[in-house]
Amino acid sequence: MSSTPTVPPGSVVVGVDADHPPAEVLDAAAELARRTGRRLHLVNATGPGVVPWSPDRLEPQARRLEEVRAGLQEQVPREVTAETVVDGAASALVAASLDAYRVVLGAGRLRPLTAAVLGATTHQVAAHARCPVLVVPRDTPPPSRGLVVVGVDPDPHAEPALEAAFTEASERGVPLVAVHAWWWEPPDPLATEPEWAGDWGELADAQHVVLSEMLGGWRERYPDVEVRPRLVRGQAVPVLCDEAREAQLLVVGSRGRGGFTGLLLGSVGTRLLHLAPCPLLVVPSTGRDDEHGSDDGQPGS
């Protein structure tokens, strides 16, 4: 029992409620550990509690956590480890992200506005984690189906998300759909289409160029990945949800506002946490050196 998690470097970390472990989250974490050849580490956070935690009080949780660990060990070739941390779930998982390859957790049950105001666990972890966070919705389909979809934003903060998306598509052996959603309102709402169609066409052409430039270098680095660019005039959240309806993974970058860039989740990421129709990978926009990108030097060792 400790107040901070002890994570094997480069492992897949999954947030577990020992009393109600969601099967879809455990399945997604196990599949990720198998596919990448990494260790799987379970973190069960007790919450601070009004009454101090004691070994006797923690024993029932420890037994249930061991049952979950043993069940996952049958699915994963490398060692599965588990620990209980006396801390809030969000704080424990953000701390675990310092050494993790990925943090995996469920999408939560709160509405987007409630989550933003109250700071739901999923929102806090996705906003502050130092590694990518895989958020798994309820009743998610098997991970082997569908393509990988990435939301493309013409800004340097989007580069880590693009890299993660190309890596995921390459590892899964599926095409990558790169979606750039953009919106433009005619300057005069009373103008007829012939009066503003030329401006709209020029803007659309410019957006095509932006998208091609952003994808060019990554296509060269990942020649095995079939890229399907999609330029859509519309609001980002509904466009991405529609494009990801049959996907096995949706990838977006995290981005804050003002002086908190890379630490807080932007409005698109916040809404997708609760609306994405498939597992959502939220990638820190600031990026980080992959000091824990391999486990003991070799993921498969």
Protein backbone atom coordinates (compact mmCIF):
# COMPACT_ATOMS: atom_id res chain seq x y z
CA MET A 1 0.00 0.00 0.00
CA SER A 2 1.39 3.41 -0.98
CA SER A 3 0.24 6.92 -1.83
CA THR A 4 1.98 6.95 -5.24
CA PRO A 5 1.94 4.27 -7.95
CA THR A 6 5.04 2.22 -8.76
CA VAL A 7 4.80 1.61 -12.49
CA PRO A 8 7.17 -0.65 -14.46
CA PRO A 9 8.61 1.76 -17.07
CA GLY A 10 7.00 1.52 -20.49
CA SER A 11 4.04 -0.57 -19.34
CA VAL A 12 0.37 -0.33 -20.22
CA VAL A 13 -1.39 1.07 -17.15
CA VAL A 14 -5.09 0.41 -16.65
CA GLY A 15 -7.21 2.17 -14.05
CA VAL A 16 -9.24 -0.46 -12.22
CA ASP A 17 -12.13 -0.19 -9.81
CA ALA A 18 -11.61 -3.43 -7.90
CA ASP A 19 -15.31 -3.59 -7.03
CA HIS A 20 -16.62 -2.98 -10.57
CA PRO A 21 -13.91 -3.57 -13.18
CA PRO A 22 -15.40 -2.82 -16.64
CA ALA A 23 -14.78 -5.72 -19.00
CA GLU A 24 -14.35 -3.55 -22.11
CA VAL A 25 -11.57 -1.53 -20.45
CA LEU A 26 -9.73 -4.65 -19.28
CA ASP A 27 -10.09 -6.25 -22.73
CA ALA A 28 -8.73 -3.12 -24.46
CA ALA A 29 -5.76 -2.93 -22.07
CA ALA A 30 -4.97 -6.63 -22.51
CA GLU A 31 -5.17 -6.34 -26.31
CA LEU A 32 -2.83 -3.35 -26.27
CA ALA A 33 -0.32 -5.15 -24.06
CA ARG A 34 -0.41 -8.23 -26.31
CA ARG A 35 -0.08 -6.26 -29.53
CA THR A 36 2.83 -4.13 -28.33
CA GLY A 37 4.57 -6.83 -26.26
CA ARG A 38 4.48 -4.69 -23.14
CA ARG A 39 3.77 -5.35 -19.51
CA LEU A 40 0.33 -4.67 -18.08
CA HIS A 41 0.03 -2.86 -14.74
CA LEU A 42 -3.22 -2.40 -12.83
CA VAL A 43 -3.76 0.62 -10.59
CA ASN A 44 -6.62 0.54 -8.09
CA ALA A 45 -7.08 3.89 -6.31
CA THR A 46 -8.95 3.88 -3.01
CA GLY A 47 -9.61 7.59 -2.76
CA PRO A 48 -8.22 9.48 0.24
CA GLY A 49 -11.07 8.41 2.55
CA VAL A 50 -12.38 10.09 5.68
CA VAL A 51 -11.06 7.29 7.90
CA PRO A 52 -7.38 6.36 7.39
CA TRP A 53 -6.92 3.22 5.33
CA SER A 54 -5.50 0.23 7.14
CA PRO A 55 -4.35 -3.19 5.87
CA ASP A 56 -7.54 -4.76 7.24
CA ARG A 57 -9.73 -2.32 5.38
CA LEU A 58 -7.76 -2.82 2.18
CA GLU A 59 -7.74 -6.63 2.29
CA PRO A 60 -11.11 -7.15 0.49
CA GLN A 61 -10.01 -4.84 -2.33
CA ALA A 62 -6.65 -6.61 -2.53
CA ARG A 63 -8.39 -9.97 -2.97
CA ARG A 64 -10.65 -8.69 -5.73
CA LEU A 65 -7.75 -6.95 -7.45
CA GLU A 66 -5.75 -10.19 -7.41
CA GLU A 67 -8.66 -11.98 -9.07
CA VAL A 68 -8.68 -9.39 -11.83
CA ARG A 69 -4.90 -9.59 -12.21
CA ALA A 70 -4.94 -13.40 -12.42
CA GLY A 71 -7.66 -13.31 -15.08
CA LEU A 72 -5.68 -10.88 -17.22
CA GLN A 73 -2.49 -12.89 -16.76
CA GLU A 74 -4.15 -15.70 -18.72
CA GLN A 75 -4.59 -13.32 -21.67
CA VAL A 76 -1.20 -11.54 -21.66
CA PRO A 77 2.16 -13.29 -22.22
CA ARG A 78 4.22 -10.91 -20.10
CA GLU A 79 3.90 -10.42 -16.37
CA VAL A 80 0.79 -8.60 -15.15
CA THR A 81 1.31 -6.56 -11.98
CA ALA A 82 -1.17 -4.73 -9.77
CA GLU A 83 -1.19 -2.32 -6.86
CA THR A 84 -3.60 -0.38 -4.69
CA VAL A 85 -2.83 3.30 -4.18
CA VAL A 86 -4.28 5.38 -1.34
CA ASP A 87 -5.11 8.41 -3.45
CA GLY A 88 -7.78 9.76 -5.75
CA ALA A 89 -8.13 7.93 -9.06
CA ALA A 90 -7.26 10.93 -11.23
CA SER A 91 -4.21 11.87 -9.19
CA ALA A 92 -2.93 8.28 -9.10
CA LEU A 93 -3.32 7.74 -12.85
CA VAL A 94 -1.73 11.08 -13.77
CA ALA A 95 1.23 10.14 -11.57
CA ALA A 96 1.36 6.70 -13.23
CA SER A 97 1.44 8.35 -16.67
CA LEU A 98 4.95 9.64 -15.98
CA ASP A 99 6.32 6.12 -16.48
CA ALA A 100 3.59 4.51 -18.61
CA TYR A 101 3.40 3.82 -22.34
CA ARG A 102 -0.38 4.28 -22.28
CA VAL A 103 -3.01 4.80 -19.59
CA VAL A 104 -6.29 2.98 -20.25
CA LEU A 105 -9.58 3.82 -18.53
CA GLY A 106 -13.31 3.96 -19.11
CA ALA A 107 -15.22 6.87 -20.59
CA GLY A 108 -17.11 7.64 -17.39
CA ARG A 109 -20.79 8.35 -16.87
CA LEU A 110 -21.01 12.14 -16.54
CA ARG A 111 -22.30 14.48 -19.20
CA PRO A 112 -19.67 16.69 -20.86
CA LEU A 113 -20.66 19.89 -19.01
CA THR A 114 -20.82 18.12 -15.65
CA ALA A 115 -17.43 16.54 -16.24
CA ALA A 116 -15.86 19.86 -17.15
CA VAL A 117 -17.23 21.53 -14.03
CA LEU A 118 -16.66 18.74 -11.52
CA GLY A 119 -13.41 17.41 -12.95
CA ALA A 120 -14.43 13.80 -13.60
CA THR A 121 -11.63 11.25 -13.43
CA THR A 122 -11.51 10.58 -17.17
CA HIS A 123 -11.42 14.27 -18.02
CA GLN A 124 -8.68 15.05 -15.51
CA VAL A 125 -6.50 12.14 -16.59
CA ALA A 126 -6.90 12.92 -20.30
CA ALA A 127 -6.13 16.59 -19.65
CA HIS A 128 -3.06 16.18 -17.47
CA ALA A 129 -1.46 12.82 -18.33
CA ARG A 130 2.09 12.84 -19.67
CA CYS A 131 1.50 9.85 -21.96
CA PRO A 132 -1.34 9.10 -24.38
CA VAL A 133 -4.60 8.07 -22.71
CA LEU A 134 -6.88 5.42 -24.23
CA VAL A 135 -10.50 6.07 -23.26
CA VAL A 136 -12.79 3.09 -23.83
CA PRO A 137 -16.56 3.65 -24.11
CA ARG A 138 -19.12 1.19 -22.89
CA ASP A 139 -20.19 -1.63 -25.21
CA THR A 140 -17.23 -0.99 -27.48
CA PRO A 141 -16.89 -3.50 -30.36
CA PRO A 142 -13.93 -5.87 -30.66
CA PRO A 143 -10.70 -3.88 -31.29
CA SER A 144 -9.81 -5.82 -34.44
CA ARG A 145 -12.53 -4.14 -36.54
CA GLY A 146 -12.42 -0.90 -38.48
CA LEU A 147 -9.86 1.72 -39.46
CA VAL A 148 -7.89 4.27 -37.46
CA VAL A 149 -9.18 7.85 -37.67
CA VAL A 150 -7.20 10.94 -36.65
CA GLY A 151 -8.37 14.50 -36.29
CA VAL A 152 -5.92 16.79 -38.13
CA ASP A 153 -5.49 20.36 -36.96
CA PRO A 154 -3.13 22.68 -38.91
CA ASP A 155 -1.02 23.61 -35.91
CA PRO A 156 2.27 22.25 -34.51
CA HIS A 157 0.46 20.93 -31.43
CA ALA A 158 -1.18 18.31 -33.66
CA GLU A 159 2.11 16.60 -34.59
CA PRO A 160 2.22 14.17 -31.60
CA ALA A 161 -1.32 13.00 -32.37
CA LEU A 162 -0.42 12.43 -36.02
CA GLU A 163 2.64 10.41 -35.04
CA ALA A 164 0.59 8.28 -32.65
CA ALA A 165 -2.11 7.74 -35.29
CA PHE A 166 0.39 6.62 -37.95
CA THR A 167 2.04 4.30 -35.42
CA GLU A 168 -1.31 2.77 -34.44
CA ALA A 169 -2.37 2.26 -38.05
CA SER A 170 1.00 0.67 -38.87
CA GLU A 171 0.91 -1.69 -35.88
CA ARG A 172 -2.70 -2.68 -36.55
CA GLY A 173 -2.17 -3.06 -40.30
CA VAL A 174 -5.15 -0.89 -41.27
CA PRO A 175 -5.60 2.31 -43.30
CA LEU A 176 -5.54 5.71 -41.61
CA VAL A 177 -8.33 8.21 -42.25
CA ALA A 178 -6.97 11.73 -41.68
CA VAL A 179 -9.89 14.11 -41.09
CA HIS A 180 -9.59 17.87 -41.22
CA ALA A 181 -12.87 19.57 -40.32
CA TRP A 182 -13.17 23.26 -41.07
CA TRP A 183 -15.94 25.83 -40.98
CA TRP A 184 -16.58 29.09 -42.80
CA GLU A 185 -19.62 31.33 -42.71
CA PRO A 186 -20.41 33.65 -45.63
CA PRO A 187 -19.47 37.22 -44.61
CA ASP A 188 -22.94 38.45 -45.56
CA PRO A 189 -25.74 36.16 -44.36
CA LEU A 190 -28.09 37.73 -46.92
CA ALA A 191 -25.75 37.07 -49.85
CA THR A 192 -26.78 34.49 -52.44
CA GLU A 193 -24.62 31.47 -53.21
CA PRO A 194 -23.18 32.85 -56.47
CA GLU A 195 -21.89 35.84 -54.50
CA TRP A 196 -19.90 33.82 -51.97
CA ALA A 197 -19.24 30.53 -53.79
CA GLY A 198 -15.93 31.79 -55.19
CA ASP A 199 -14.62 32.67 -51.72
CA TRP A 200 -15.76 29.30 -50.41
CA GLY A 201 -13.98 27.48 -53.22
CA GLU A 202 -10.72 29.34 -52.59
CA LEU A 203 -10.87 28.53 -48.90
CA ALA A 204 -11.54 24.86 -49.63
CA ASP A 205 -8.55 24.71 -51.99
CA ALA A 206 -6.35 26.30 -49.32
CA GLN A 207 -7.51 23.73 -46.75
CA HIS A 208 -6.62 20.89 -49.16
CA VAL A 209 -3.10 22.28 -49.41
CA VAL A 210 -2.79 22.54 -45.64
CA LEU A 211 -3.92 18.95 -45.16
CA SER A 212 -1.55 17.62 -47.83
CA GLU A 213 1.40 19.47 -46.30
CA MET A 214 0.68 18.15 -42.83
CA LEU A 215 0.48 14.54 -44.03
CA GLY A 216 3.40 14.62 -46.48
CA GLY A 217 6.28 13.96 -44.08
CA TRP A 218 4.39 11.29 -42.13
CA ARG A 219 3.55 9.41 -45.33
CA GLU A 220 7.26 9.21 -46.08
CA ARG A 221 8.04 7.92 -42.56
CA TYR A 222 5.25 5.33 -42.69
CA PRO A 223 5.13 4.08 -46.29
CA ASP A 224 3.26 0.95 -45.15
CA VAL A 225 0.23 2.98 -44.04
CA GLU A 226 -2.52 3.68 -46.56
CA VAL A 227 -3.67 7.25 -45.88
CA ARG A 228 -7.16 8.43 -46.77
CA PRO A 229 -7.39 12.23 -46.40
CA ARG A 230 -10.84 13.64 -45.63
CA LEU A 231 -11.56 17.35 -45.82
CA VAL A 232 -15.01 18.13 -44.39
CA ARG A 233 -16.72 21.47 -43.99
CA GLY A 234 -18.37 21.21 -40.60
CA GLN A 235 -17.90 21.36 -36.84
CA ALA A 236 -15.08 19.13 -35.59
CA VAL A 237 -16.93 17.02 -33.00
CA PRO A 238 -19.88 15.82 -35.12
CA VAL A 239 -17.60 15.35 -38.14
CA LEU A 240 -15.12 13.18 -36.19
CA CYS A 241 -17.90 11.18 -34.53
CA ASP A 242 -19.42 10.46 -37.93
CA GLU A 243 -16.10 9.49 -39.51
CA ALA A 244 -15.23 7.21 -36.54
CA ARG A 245 -18.57 5.42 -36.41
CA GLU A 246 -17.07 2.24 -37.88
CA ALA A 247 -13.50 2.83 -36.67
CA GLN A 248 -11.52 0.79 -34.15
CA LEU A 249 -9.71 3.89 -32.87
CA LEU A 250 -10.06 7.67 -32.97
CA VAL A 251 -6.94 9.75 -32.24
CA VAL A 252 -6.93 13.42 -31.19
CA GLY A 253 -4.48 15.77 -29.54
CA SER A 254 -5.06 17.42 -26.20
CA ARG A 255 -4.84 21.18 -26.21
CA GLY A 256 -5.62 23.82 -23.63
CA ARG A 257 -6.37 27.50 -23.94
CA GLY A 258 -4.22 30.48 -23.05
CA GLY A 259 -1.24 29.67 -20.85
CA PHE A 260 -2.25 26.07 -20.20
CA THR A 261 -1.52 24.66 -23.65
CA GLY A 262 -0.87 20.93 -23.47
CA LEU A 263 -2.09 20.67 -19.88
CA LEU A 264 -5.83 21.12 -20.31
CA LEU A 265 -8.16 19.49 -22.75
CA GLY A 266 -9.61 21.64 -25.50
CA SER A 267 -13.35 21.74 -26.15
CA VAL A 268 -13.17 19.15 -28.94
CA GLY A 269 -11.32 16.62 -26.77
CA THR A 270 -13.64 17.24 -23.83
CA ARG A 271 -16.76 16.52 -25.86
CA LEU A 272 -15.25 13.50 -27.60
CA LEU A 273 -14.49 11.87 -24.23
CA HIS A 274 -18.22 11.33 -23.86
CA LEU A 275 -19.42 11.20 -27.47
CA ALA A 276 -16.78 9.19 -29.38
CA PRO A 277 -18.36 6.04 -30.86
CA CYS A 278 -15.16 4.01 -30.53
CA PRO A 279 -12.06 3.95 -28.29
CA LEU A 280 -10.45 7.40 -28.16
CA LEU A 281 -6.70 7.98 -27.88
CA VAL A 282 -5.92 11.42 -26.43
CA VAL A 283 -2.30 12.37 -27.13
CA PRO A 284 -0.55 15.14 -25.15
CA SER A 285 -0.01 17.99 -27.57
CA THR A 286 3.26 19.01 -26.01
CA GLY A 287 4.74 15.60 -26.80
CA ARG A 288 7.58 14.13 -24.79
CA ASP A 289 10.78 12.27 -25.40
CA ASP A 290 10.03 8.57 -25.40
CA GLU A 291 12.23 7.87 -22.41
CA HIS A 292 9.81 5.13 -21.45
CA GLY A 293 8.85 4.14 -24.97
CA SER A 294 10.46 0.74 -24.60
CA ASP A 295 10.24 -1.66 -21.73
CA ASP A 296 13.73 -2.67 -20.56
CA GLY A 297 15.02 -1.61 -23.97
CA GLN A 298 12.88 -4.08 -25.93
CA PRO A 299 9.06 -4.16 -25.73
CA GLY A 300 9.01 -7.86 -26.46
CA SER A 301 11.80 -8.94 -24.17
